[in-house]
């Protein structure tokens, strides 16, 4: 009976883990200017069409909430090096990915 319970829990957790809504996010700089950058972010995952909500943390103090899964665009207007974090929720399952020091905006 104990073994059956343990196997059931393992299957439950592996199923939850395998349904993580995010695998990765990518970005492209649309209009780099000397002291700012407009960046388009989008994410890839097995369940991105059905994401309940997501938060983008852009590394400059800006947070954007979205209840759909089409990515985000952000204008970095101050020189610096920024990391970005994306947190998604699907059916109560939270998934996140963080990338440090991926956006650099140079001083003019």
PDB file of N, CA and C in Angstrom:
ATOM      1  N   UNK A   1       0.823  -1.186   0.000  1.00  0.00           N
ATOM      2  CA  UNK A   1       0.000   0.000   0.000  1.00  0.00           C
ATOM      3  C   UNK A   1       0.875   1.260   0.000  1.00  0.00           C
ATOM      4  N   UNK A   2       1.959   1.267   0.792  1.00  0.00           N
ATOM      5  CA  UNK A   2       2.857   2.415   0.819  1.00  0.00           C
ATOM      6  C   UNK A   2       3.480   2.654  -0.549  1.00  0.00           C
ATOM      7  N   UNK A   3       3.889   1.561  -1.195  1.00  0.00           N
ATOM      8  CA  UNK A   3       4.537   1.695  -2.489  1.00  0.00           C
ATOM      9  C   UNK A   3       3.576   2.248  -3.544  1.00  0.00           C
ATOM     10  N   UNK A   4       2.348   1.833  -3.463  1.00  0.00           N
ATOM     11  CA  UNK A   4       1.335   2.323  -4.394  1.00  0.00           C
ATOM     12  C   UNK A   4       1.120   3.830  -4.211  1.00  0.00           C
ATOM     13  N   UNK A   5       1.090   4.266  -2.972  1.00  0.00           N
ATOM     14  CA  UNK A   5       0.926   5.689  -2.682  1.00  0.00           C
ATOM     15  C   UNK A   5       2.128   6.482  -3.187  1.00  0.00           C
ATOM     16  N   UNK A   6       3.321   5.984  -2.954  1.00  0.00           N
ATOM     17  CA  UNK A   6       4.539   6.663  -3.397  1.00  0.00           C
ATOM     18  C   UNK A   6       4.580   6.743  -4.925  1.00  0.00           C
ATOM     19  N   UNK A   7       4.248   5.663  -5.596  1.00  0.00           N
ATOM     20  CA  UNK A   7       4.237   5.657  -7.059  1.00  0.00           C
ATOM     21  C   UNK A   7       3.186   6.640  -7.579  1.00  0.00           C
ATOM     22  N   UNK A   8       2.025   6.677  -6.927  1.00  0.00           N
ATOM     23  CA  UNK A   8       0.979   7.617  -7.326  1.00  0.00           C
ATOM     24  C   UNK A   8       1.428   9.057  -7.175  1.00  0.00           C
ATOM     25  N   UNK A   9       2.107   9.372  -6.078  1.00  0.00           N
ATOM     26  CA  UNK A   9       2.612  10.731  -5.868  1.00  0.00           C
ATOM     27  C   UNK A   9       3.684  11.096  -6.889  1.00  0.00           C
ATOM     28  N   UNK A  10       4.550  10.160  -7.196  1.00  0.00           N
ATOM     29  CA  UNK A  10       5.593  10.402  -8.198  1.00  0.00           C
ATOM     30  C   UNK A  10       4.957  10.695  -9.554  1.00  0.00           C
ATOM     31  N   UNK A  11       3.968   9.907  -9.929  1.00  0.00           N
ATOM     32  CA  UNK A  11       3.281  10.134 -11.203  1.00  0.00           C
ATOM     33  C   UNK A  11       2.565  11.471 -11.216  1.00  0.00           C
ATOM     34  N   UNK A  12       1.947  11.836 -10.107  1.00  0.00           N
ATOM     35  CA  UNK A  12       1.254  13.115 -10.016  1.00  0.00           C
ATOM     36  C   UNK A  12       2.222  14.271 -10.194  1.00  0.00           C
ATOM     37  N   UNK A  13       3.330  14.257  -9.460  1.00  0.00           N
ATOM     38  CA  UNK A  13       4.298  15.347  -9.559  1.00  0.00           C
ATOM     39  C   UNK A  13       4.984  15.376 -10.914  1.00  0.00           C
ATOM     40  N   UNK A  14       5.281  14.233 -11.489  1.00  0.00           N
ATOM     41  CA  UNK A  14       5.911  14.238 -12.808  1.00  0.00           C
ATOM     42  C   UNK A  14       4.946  14.743 -13.862  1.00  0.00           C
ATOM     43  N   UNK A  15       3.655  14.469 -13.714  1.00  0.00           N
ATOM     44  CA  UNK A  15       2.663  14.975 -14.651  1.00  0.00           C
ATOM     45  C   UNK A  15       2.534  16.490 -14.527  1.00  0.00           C
ATOM     46  N   UNK A  16       2.516  17.010 -13.311  1.00  0.00           N
ATOM     47  CA  UNK A  16       2.452  18.460 -13.101  1.00  0.00           C
ATOM     48  C   UNK A  16       3.696  19.121 -13.678  1.00  0.00           C
ATOM     49  N   UNK A  17       4.864  18.540 -13.425  1.00  0.00           N
ATOM     50  CA  UNK A  17       6.097  19.120 -13.918  1.00  0.00           C
ATOM     51  C   UNK A  17       6.150  19.095 -15.446  1.00  0.00           C
ATOM     52  N   UNK A  18       5.675  18.027 -16.043  1.00  0.00           N
ATOM     53  CA  UNK A  18       5.743  17.914 -17.497  1.00  0.00           C
ATOM     54  C   UNK A  18       4.774  18.873 -18.187  1.00  0.00           C
ATOM     55  N   UNK A  19       3.778  19.388 -17.467  1.00  0.00           N
ATOM     56  CA  UNK A  19       2.840  20.319 -18.065  1.00  0.00           C
ATOM     57  C   UNK A  19       3.203  21.771 -17.785  1.00  0.00           C
ATOM     58  N   UNK A  20       4.430  22.017 -17.426  1.00  0.00           N
ATOM     59  CA  UNK A  20       4.875  23.377 -17.187  1.00  0.00           C
ATOM     60  C   UNK A  20       4.617  24.216 -18.432  1.00  0.00           C
ATOM     61  N   UNK A  21       3.969  25.371 -18.297  1.00  0.00           N
ATOM     62  CA  UNK A  21       3.570  26.130 -19.468  1.00  0.00           C
ATOM     63  C   UNK A  21       4.698  26.863 -20.189  1.00  0.00           C
ATOM     64  N   UNK A  22       5.880  26.886 -19.640  1.00  0.00           N
ATOM     65  CA  UNK A  22       6.954  27.652 -20.289  1.00  0.00           C
ATOM     66  C   UNK A  22       8.209  26.808 -20.444  1.00  0.00           C
ATOM     67  N   UNK A  23       8.826  26.922 -21.591  1.00  0.00           N
ATOM     68  CA  UNK A  23      10.118  26.292 -21.819  1.00  0.00           C
ATOM     69  C   UNK A  23      11.229  27.331 -21.877  1.00  0.00           C
ATOM     70  N   UNK A  24      10.924  28.467 -22.514  1.00  0.00           N
ATOM     71  CA  UNK A  24      11.937  29.493 -22.697  1.00  0.00           C
ATOM     72  C   UNK A  24      11.256  30.772 -23.173  1.00  0.00           C
ATOM     73  N   UNK A  25      11.966  31.886 -23.093  1.00  0.00           N
ATOM     74  CA  UNK A  25      11.499  33.087 -23.765  1.00  0.00           C
ATOM     75  C   UNK A  25      12.645  33.666 -24.578  1.00  0.00           C
ATOM     76  N   UNK A  26      12.297  34.341 -25.631  1.00  0.00           N
ATOM     77  CA  UNK A  26      13.251  34.952 -26.542  1.00  0.00           C
ATOM     78  C   UNK A  26      12.950  36.442 -26.631  1.00  0.00           C
ATOM     79  N   UNK A  27      13.843  37.178 -27.246  1.00  0.00           N
ATOM     80  CA  UNK A  27      13.610  38.605 -27.429  1.00  0.00           C
ATOM     81  C   UNK A  27      14.302  39.078 -28.693  1.00  0.00           C
ATOM     82  N   UNK A  28      13.817  40.190 -29.196  1.00  0.00           N
ATOM     83  CA  UNK A  28      14.484  40.852 -30.314  1.00  0.00           C
ATOM     84  C   UNK A  28      14.395  42.348 -30.080  1.00  0.00           C
ATOM     85  N   UNK A  29      15.493  43.022 -30.386  1.00  0.00           N
ATOM     86  CA  UNK A  29      15.531  44.469 -30.226  1.00  0.00           C
ATOM     87  C   UNK A  29      15.025  45.080 -31.525  1.00  0.00           C
ATOM     88  N   UNK A  30      13.888  45.759 -31.438  1.00  0.00           N
ATOM     89  CA  UNK A  30      13.243  46.280 -32.638  1.00  0.00           C
ATOM     90  C   UNK A  30      13.884  47.563 -33.144  1.00  0.00           C
ATOM     91  N   UNK A  31      14.129  48.508 -32.242  1.00  0.00           N
ATOM     92  CA  UNK A  31      14.685  49.792 -32.652  1.00  0.00           C
ATOM     93  C   UNK A  31      15.773  50.239 -31.680  1.00  0.00           C
ATOM     94  N   UNK A  32      16.979  49.737 -31.846  1.00  0.00           N
ATOM     95  CA  UNK A  32      18.029  50.191 -30.929  1.00  0.00           C
ATOM     96  C   UNK A  32      18.436  51.625 -31.249  1.00  0.00           C
ATOM     97  N   UNK A  33      18.463  52.430 -30.237  1.00  0.00           N
ATOM     98  CA  UNK A  33      18.915  53.813 -30.347  1.00  0.00           C
ATOM     99  C   UNK A  33      20.024  53.961 -29.315  1.00  0.00           C
ATOM    100  N   UNK A  34      20.811  54.965 -29.438  1.00  0.00           N
ATOM    101  CA  UNK A  34      22.003  55.094 -28.603  1.00  0.00           C
ATOM    102  C   UNK A  34      21.725  54.984 -27.110  1.00  0.00           C
ATOM    103  N   UNK A  35      20.658  55.606 -26.623  1.00  0.00           N
ATOM    104  CA  UNK A  35      20.417  55.572 -25.180  1.00  0.00           C
ATOM    105  C   UNK A  35      19.098  54.906 -24.811  1.00  0.00           C
ATOM    106  N   UNK A  36      18.513  54.142 -25.727  1.00  0.00           N
ATOM    107  CA  UNK A  36      17.317  53.378 -25.380  1.00  0.00           C
ATOM    108  C   UNK A  36      17.167  52.197 -26.330  1.00  0.00           C
ATOM    109  N   UNK A  37      16.316  51.258 -25.949  1.00  0.00           N
ATOM    110  CA  UNK A  37      16.057  50.087 -26.780  1.00  0.00           C
ATOM    111  C   UNK A  37      14.605  49.665 -26.607  1.00  0.00           C
ATOM    112  N   UNK A  38      13.935  49.412 -27.712  1.00  0.00           N
ATOM    113  CA  UNK A  38      12.584  48.873 -27.682  1.00  0.00           C
ATOM    114  C   UNK A  38      12.713  47.386 -27.981  1.00  0.00           C
ATOM    115  N   UNK A  39      12.286  46.569 -27.016  1.00  0.00           N
ATOM    116  CA  UNK A  39      12.529  45.135 -27.091  1.00  0.00           C
ATOM    117  C   UNK A  39      11.201  44.390 -27.089  1.00  0.00           C
ATOM    118  N   UNK A  40      11.065  43.439 -27.989  1.00  0.00           N
ATOM    119  CA  UNK A  40       9.890  42.567 -28.072  1.00  0.00           C
ATOM    120  C   UNK A  40      10.263  41.219 -27.464  1.00  0.00           C
ATOM    121  N   UNK A  41       9.465  40.782 -26.474  1.00  0.00           N
ATOM    122  CA  UNK A  41       9.675  39.498 -25.817  1.00  0.00           C
ATOM    123  C   UNK A  41       8.556  38.546 -26.213  1.00  0.00           C
ATOM    124  N   UNK A  42       8.890  37.295 -26.383  1.00  0.00           N
ATOM    125  CA  UNK A  42       7.893  36.265 -26.638  1.00  0.00           C
ATOM    126  C   UNK A  42       8.379  34.973 -26.007  1.00  0.00           C
ATOM    127  N   UNK A  43       7.450  34.096 -25.679  1.00  0.00           N
ATOM    128  CA  UNK A  43       7.862  32.871 -25.012  1.00  0.00           C
ATOM    129  C   UNK A  43       7.421  31.638 -25.766  1.00  0.00           C
ATOM    130  N   UNK A  44       8.121  30.557 -25.455  1.00  0.00           N
ATOM    131  CA  UNK A  44       7.882  29.274 -26.093  1.00  0.00           C
ATOM    132  C   UNK A  44       7.526  28.276 -25.012  1.00  0.00           C
ATOM    133  N   UNK A  45       6.571  27.434 -25.288  1.00  0.00           N
ATOM    134  CA  UNK A  45       6.209  26.422 -24.308  1.00  0.00           C
ATOM    135  C   UNK A  45       5.150  25.494 -24.837  1.00  0.00           C
ATOM    136  N   UNK A  46       4.932  24.422 -24.123  1.00  0.00           N
ATOM    137  CA  UNK A  46       3.995  23.401 -24.572  1.00  0.00           C
ATOM    138  C   UNK A  46       2.553  23.839 -24.416  1.00  0.00           C
ATOM    139  N   UNK A  47       2.283  24.821 -23.568  1.00  0.00           N
ATOM    140  CA  UNK A  47       0.905  25.201 -23.281  1.00  0.00           C
ATOM    141  C   UNK A  47       0.678  26.698 -23.454  1.00  0.00           C
ATOM    142  N   UNK A  48       1.457  27.367 -24.274  1.00  0.00           N
ATOM    143  CA  UNK A  48       1.368  28.821 -24.329  1.00  0.00           C
ATOM    144  C   UNK A  48       0.027  29.331 -24.830  1.00  0.00           C
ATOM    145  N   UNK A  49      -0.698  28.548 -25.598  1.00  0.00           N
ATOM    146  CA  UNK A  49      -1.999  29.005 -26.091  1.00  0.00           C
ATOM    147  C   UNK A  49      -3.035  29.077 -24.977  1.00  0.00           C
ATOM    148  N   UNK A  50      -2.811  28.370 -23.889  1.00  0.00           N
ATOM    149  CA  UNK A  50      -3.809  28.269 -22.826  1.00  0.00           C
ATOM    150  C   UNK A  50      -3.350  28.874 -21.509  1.00  0.00           C
ATOM    151  N   UNK A  51      -2.399  29.771 -21.539  1.00  0.00           N
ATOM    152  CA  UNK A  51      -1.883  30.371 -20.310  1.00  0.00           C
ATOM    153  C   UNK A  51      -2.966  31.242 -19.685  1.00  0.00           C
ATOM    154  N   UNK A  52      -3.149  31.099 -18.369  1.00  0.00           N
ATOM    155  CA  UNK A  52      -4.144  31.900 -17.660  1.00  0.00           C
ATOM    156  C   UNK A  52      -3.686  33.336 -17.449  1.00  0.00           C
ATOM    157  N   UNK A  53      -2.425  33.514 -17.067  1.00  0.00           N
ATOM    158  CA  UNK A  53      -1.890  34.850 -16.845  1.00  0.00           C
ATOM    159  C   UNK A  53      -0.375  34.802 -16.825  1.00  0.00           C
ATOM    160  N   UNK A  54       0.226  35.969 -17.017  1.00  0.00           N
ATOM    161  CA  UNK A  54       1.688  36.030 -16.957  1.00  0.00           C
ATOM    162  C   UNK A  54       2.135  37.404 -16.461  1.00  0.00           C
ATOM    163  N   UNK A  55       3.305  37.417 -15.843  1.00  0.00           N
ATOM    164  CA  UNK A  55       3.967  38.641 -15.400  1.00  0.00           C
ATOM    165  C   UNK A  55       5.344  38.701 -16.041  1.00  0.00           C
ATOM    166  N   UNK A  56       5.665  39.838 -16.603  1.00  0.00           N
ATOM    167  CA  UNK A  56       6.996  40.113 -17.117  1.00  0.00           C
ATOM    168  C   UNK A  56       7.668  41.097 -16.158  1.00  0.00           C
ATOM    169  N   UNK A  57       8.837  40.753 -15.666  1.00  0.00           N
ATOM    170  CA  UNK A  57       9.661  41.636 -14.846  1.00  0.00           C
ATOM    171  C   UNK A  57      10.845  42.048 -15.723  1.00  0.00           C
ATOM    172  N   UNK A  58      10.893  43.321 -16.103  1.00  0.00           N
ATOM    173  CA  UNK A  58      11.851  43.768 -17.109  1.00  0.00           C
ATOM    174  C   UNK A  58      13.211  44.186 -16.548  1.00  0.00           C
ATOM    175  N   UNK A  59      13.388  44.155 -15.256  1.00  0.00           N
ATOM    176  CA  UNK A  59      14.692  44.441 -14.676  1.00  0.00           C
ATOM    177  C   UNK A  59      14.967  45.906 -14.398  1.00  0.00           C
ATOM    178  N   UNK A  60      14.084  46.780 -14.857  1.00  0.00           N
ATOM    179  CA  UNK A  60      14.257  48.212 -14.594  1.00  0.00           C
ATOM    180  C   UNK A  60      13.183  48.736 -13.648  1.00  0.00           C
ATOM    181  N   UNK A  61      12.539  47.827 -12.936  1.00  0.00           N
ATOM    182  CA  UNK A  61      11.481  48.212 -12.008  1.00  0.00           C
ATOM    183  C   UNK A  61      10.090  48.133 -12.616  1.00  0.00           C
ATOM    184  N   UNK A  62      10.010  47.867 -13.904  1.00  0.00           N
ATOM    185  CA  UNK A  62       8.726  47.783 -14.586  1.00  0.00           C
ATOM    186  C   UNK A  62       8.226  46.340 -14.591  1.00  0.00           C
ATOM    187  N   UNK A  63       6.945  46.181 -14.250  1.00  0.00           N
ATOM    188  CA  UNK A  63       6.295  44.877 -14.271  1.00  0.00           C
ATOM    189  C   UNK A  63       5.067  44.999 -15.156  1.00  0.00           C
ATOM    190  N   UNK A  64       4.870  44.035 -16.031  1.00  0.00           N
ATOM    191  CA  UNK A  64       3.695  44.052 -16.892  1.00  0.00           C
ATOM    192  C   UNK A  64       2.911  42.760 -16.690  1.00  0.00           C
ATOM    193  N   UNK A  65       1.624  42.920 -16.405  1.00  0.00           N
ATOM    194  CA  UNK A  65       0.726  41.778 -16.268  1.00  0.00           C
ATOM    195  C   UNK A  65      -0.033  41.582 -17.572  1.00  0.00           C
ATOM    196  N   UNK A  66      -0.256  40.335 -17.915  1.00  0.00           N
ATOM    197  CA  UNK A  66      -1.046  40.033 -19.102  1.00  0.00           C
ATOM    198  C   UNK A  66      -1.857  38.774 -18.844  1.00  0.00           C
ATOM    199  N   UNK A  67      -3.075  38.738 -19.354  1.00  0.00           N
ATOM    200  CA  UNK A  67      -3.876  37.529 -19.210  1.00  0.00           C
ATOM    201  C   UNK A  67      -3.967  36.777 -20.531  1.00  0.00           C
ATOM    202  N   UNK A  68      -3.033  37.033 -21.411  1.00  0.00           N
ATOM    203  CA  UNK A  68      -2.962  36.300 -22.668  1.00  0.00           C
ATOM    204  C   UNK A  68      -1.501  36.022 -22.994  1.00  0.00           C
ATOM    205  N   UNK A  69      -1.268  35.184 -23.952  1.00  0.00           N
ATOM    206  CA  UNK A  69       0.080  34.644 -24.153  1.00  0.00           C
ATOM    207  C   UNK A  69       0.738  35.100 -25.443  1.00  0.00           C
ATOM    208  N   UNK A  70       0.723  36.386 -25.701  1.00  0.00           N
ATOM    209  CA  UNK A  70       1.346  36.838 -26.939  1.00  0.00           C
ATOM    210  C   UNK A  70       2.646  37.607 -26.716  1.00  0.00           C
ATOM    211  N   UNK A  71       3.218  37.526 -25.556  1.00  0.00           N
ATOM    212  CA  UNK A  71       4.474  38.203 -25.292  1.00  0.00           C
ATOM    213  C   UNK A  71       4.268  39.634 -24.830  1.00  0.00           C
ATOM    214  N   UNK A  72       5.330  40.431 -24.924  1.00  0.00           N
ATOM    215  CA  UNK A  72       5.270  41.811 -24.456  1.00  0.00           C
ATOM    216  C   UNK A  72       6.335  42.631 -25.162  1.00  0.00           C
ATOM    217  N   UNK A  73       6.143  43.939 -25.140  1.00  0.00           N
ATOM    218  CA  UNK A  73       7.138  44.856 -25.667  1.00  0.00           C
ATOM    219  C   UNK A  73       7.483  45.840 -24.562  1.00  0.00           C
ATOM    220  N   UNK A  74       8.751  46.212 -24.487  1.00  0.00           N
ATOM    221  CA  UNK A  74       9.175  47.132 -23.432  1.00  0.00           C
ATOM    222  C   UNK A  74      10.218  48.092 -23.976  1.00  0.00           C
ATOM    223  N   UNK A  75      10.130  49.339 -23.532  1.00  0.00           N
ATOM    224  CA  UNK A  75      11.081  50.373 -23.912  1.00  0.00           C
ATOM    225  C   UNK A  75      12.047  50.600 -22.754  1.00  0.00           C
ATOM    226  N   UNK A  76      13.298  50.257 -22.950  1.00  0.00           N
ATOM    227  CA  UNK A  76      14.347  50.555 -21.964  1.00  0.00           C
ATOM    228  C   UNK A  76      14.900  51.926 -22.309  1.00  0.00           C
ATOM    229  N   UNK A  77      14.684  52.897 -21.423  1.00  0.00           N
ATOM    230  CA  UNK A  77      15.035  54.280 -21.743  1.00  0.00           C
ATOM    231  C   UNK A  77      16.216  54.819 -20.940  1.00  0.00           C
ATOM    232  N   UNK A  78      16.833  53.988 -20.127  1.00  0.00           N
ATOM    233  CA  UNK A  78      17.986  54.425 -19.353  1.00  0.00           C
ATOM    234  C   UNK A  78      19.142  53.453 -19.573  1.00  0.00           C
ATOM    235  N   UNK A  79      20.356  53.978 -19.677  1.00  0.00           N
ATOM    236  CA  UNK A  79      21.507  53.094 -19.852  1.00  0.00           C
ATOM    237  C   UNK A  79      21.628  52.106 -18.689  1.00  0.00           C
ATOM    238  N   UNK A  80      22.014  50.892 -19.002  1.00  0.00           N
ATOM    239  CA  UNK A  80      22.204  49.875 -17.981  1.00  0.00           C
ATOM    240  C   UNK A  80      22.174  48.481 -18.563  1.00  0.00           C
ATOM    241  N   UNK A  81      22.356  47.521 -17.687  1.00  0.00           N
ATOM    242  CA  UNK A  81      22.299  46.105 -18.060  1.00  0.00           C
ATOM    243  C   UNK A  81      21.137  45.502 -17.291  1.00  0.00           C
ATOM    244  N   UNK A  82      20.233  44.847 -18.005  1.00  0.00           N
ATOM    245  CA  UNK A  82      18.984  44.390 -17.410  1.00  0.00           C
ATOM    246  C   UNK A  82      18.780  42.892 -17.594  1.00  0.00           C
ATOM    247  N   UNK A  83      18.223  42.290 -16.561  1.00  0.00           N
ATOM    248  CA  UNK A  83      17.761  40.907 -16.633  1.00  0.00           C
ATOM    249  C   UNK A  83      16.248  40.902 -16.726  1.00  0.00           C
ATOM    250  N   UNK A  84      15.686  39.819 -17.218  1.00  0.00           N
ATOM    251  CA  UNK A  84      14.243  39.722 -17.417  1.00  0.00           C
ATOM    252  C   UNK A  84      13.752  38.403 -16.836  1.00  0.00           C
ATOM    253  N   UNK A  85      12.582  38.464 -16.183  1.00  0.00           N
ATOM    254  CA  UNK A  85      11.962  37.256 -15.646  1.00  0.00           C
ATOM    255  C   UNK A  85      10.518  37.193 -16.134  1.00  0.00           C
ATOM    256  N   UNK A  86      10.102  35.995 -16.479  1.00  0.00           N
ATOM    257  CA  UNK A  86       8.728  35.738 -16.901  1.00  0.00           C
ATOM    258  C   UNK A  86       8.126  34.688 -15.983  1.00  0.00           C
ATOM    259  N   UNK A  87       6.949  34.984 -15.434  1.00  0.00           N
ATOM    260  CA  UNK A  87       6.223  34.035 -14.594  1.00  0.00           C
ATOM    261  C   UNK A  87       4.860  33.806 -15.225  1.00  0.00           C
ATOM    262  N   UNK A  88       4.518  32.538 -15.462  1.00  0.00           N
ATOM    263  CA  UNK A  88       3.244  32.160 -16.070  1.00  0.00           C
ATOM    264  C   UNK A  88       2.447  31.287 -15.128  1.00  0.00           C
ATOM    265  N   UNK A  89       1.118  31.332 -15.275  1.00  0.00           N
ATOM    266  CA  UNK A  89       0.224  30.440 -14.534  1.00  0.00           C
ATOM    267  C   UNK A  89      -0.717  29.753 -15.510  1.00  0.00           C
ATOM    268  N   UNK A  90      -0.889  28.466 -15.318  1.00  0.00           N
ATOM    269  CA  UNK A  90      -1.851  27.678 -16.079  1.00  0.00           C
ATOM    270  C   UNK A  90      -2.461  26.643 -15.144  1.00  0.00           C
ATOM    271  N   UNK A  91      -3.755  26.724 -14.932  1.00  0.00           N
ATOM    272  CA  UNK A  91      -4.474  25.778 -14.068  1.00  0.00           C
ATOM    273  C   UNK A  91      -3.823  25.653 -12.691  1.00  0.00           C
ATOM    274  N   UNK A  92      -3.378  26.774 -12.143  1.00  0.00           N
ATOM    275  CA  UNK A  92      -2.783  26.776 -10.813  1.00  0.00           C
ATOM    276  C   UNK A  92      -1.322  26.369 -10.773  1.00  0.00           C
ATOM    277  N   UNK A  93      -0.726  26.061 -11.910  1.00  0.00           N
ATOM    278  CA  UNK A  93       0.679  25.669 -11.969  1.00  0.00           C
ATOM    279  C   UNK A  93       1.496  26.899 -12.357  1.00  0.00           C
ATOM    280  N   UNK A  94       2.456  27.251 -11.516  1.00  0.00           N
ATOM    281  CA  UNK A  94       3.327  28.385 -11.793  1.00  0.00           C
ATOM    282  C   UNK A  94       4.594  27.896 -12.455  1.00  0.00           C
ATOM    283  N   UNK A  95       5.048  28.634 -13.430  1.00  0.00           N
ATOM    284  CA  UNK A  95       6.277  28.316 -14.131  1.00  0.00           C
ATOM    285  C   UNK A  95       7.021  29.618 -14.369  1.00  0.00           C
ATOM    286  N   UNK A  96       8.316  29.609 -14.197  1.00  0.00           N
ATOM    287  CA  UNK A  96       9.068  30.845 -14.400  1.00  0.00           C
ATOM    288  C   UNK A  96      10.427  30.566 -15.014  1.00  0.00           C
ATOM    289  N   UNK A  97      10.941  31.585 -15.646  1.00  0.00           N
ATOM    290  CA  UNK A  97      12.297  31.535 -16.173  1.00  0.00           C
ATOM    291  C   UNK A  97      12.884  32.931 -16.049  1.00  0.00           C
ATOM    292  N   UNK A  98      14.139  32.993 -15.674  1.00  0.00           N
ATOM    293  CA  UNK A  98      14.821  34.269 -15.490  1.00  0.00           C
ATOM    294  C   UNK A  98      16.132  34.232 -16.250  1.00  0.00           C
ATOM    295  N   UNK A  99      16.415  35.331 -16.940  1.00  0.00           N
ATOM    296  CA  UNK A  99      17.678  35.470 -17.654  1.00  0.00           C
ATOM    297  C   UNK A  99      18.336  36.756 -17.172  1.00  0.00           C
ATOM    298  N   UNK A 100      19.533  36.630 -16.638  1.00  0.00           N
ATOM    299  CA  UNK A 100      20.264  37.774 -16.107  1.00  0.00           C
ATOM    300  C   UNK A 100      21.083  38.448 -17.204  1.00  0.00           C
ATOM    301  N   UNK A 101      21.182  39.755 -17.129  1.00  0.00           N
ATOM    302  CA  UNK A 101      22.089  40.561 -17.966  1.00  0.00           C
ATOM    303  C   UNK A 101      21.927  40.278 -19.460  1.00  0.00           C
ATOM    304  N   UNK A 102      20.693  40.313 -19.971  1.00  0.00           N
ATOM    305  CA  UNK A 102      20.497  40.015 -21.385  1.00  0.00           C
ATOM    306  C   UNK A 102      20.258  41.262 -22.241  1.00  0.00           C
ATOM    307  N   UNK A 103      19.881  42.377 -21.611  1.00  0.00           N
ATOM    308  CA  UNK A 103      19.628  43.618 -22.345  1.00  0.00           C
ATOM    309  C   UNK A 103      20.647  44.654 -21.896  1.00  0.00           C
ATOM    310  N   UNK A 104      21.357  45.262 -22.830  1.00  0.00           N
ATOM    311  CA  UNK A 104      22.309  46.330 -22.516  1.00  0.00           C
ATOM    312  C   UNK A 104      21.914  47.582 -23.281  1.00  0.00           C
ATOM    313  N   UNK A 105      21.734  48.667 -22.543  1.00  0.00           N
ATOM    314  CA  UNK A 105      21.464  49.969 -23.136  1.00  0.00           C
ATOM    315  C   UNK A 105      22.658  50.841 -22.821  1.00  0.00           C
ATOM    316  N   UNK A 106      23.266  51.390 -23.868  1.00  0.00           N
ATOM    317  CA  UNK A 106      24.506  52.134 -23.708  1.00  0.00           C
ATOM    318  C   UNK A 106      24.256  53.625 -23.490  1.00  0.00           C
ATOM    319  N   UNK A 107      25.177  54.260 -22.786  1.00  0.00           N
ATOM    320  CA  UNK A 107      25.175  55.706 -22.578  1.00  0.00           C
ATOM    321  C   UNK A 107      25.494  56.376 -23.907  1.00  0.00           C
ATOM    322  N   UNK A 108      24.792  57.442 -24.274  1.00  0.00           N
ATOM    323  CA  UNK A 108      25.079  58.112 -25.551  1.00  0.00           C
ATOM    324  C   UNK A 108      26.446  58.814 -25.540  1.00  0.00           C
TER     325      UNK A 108
END
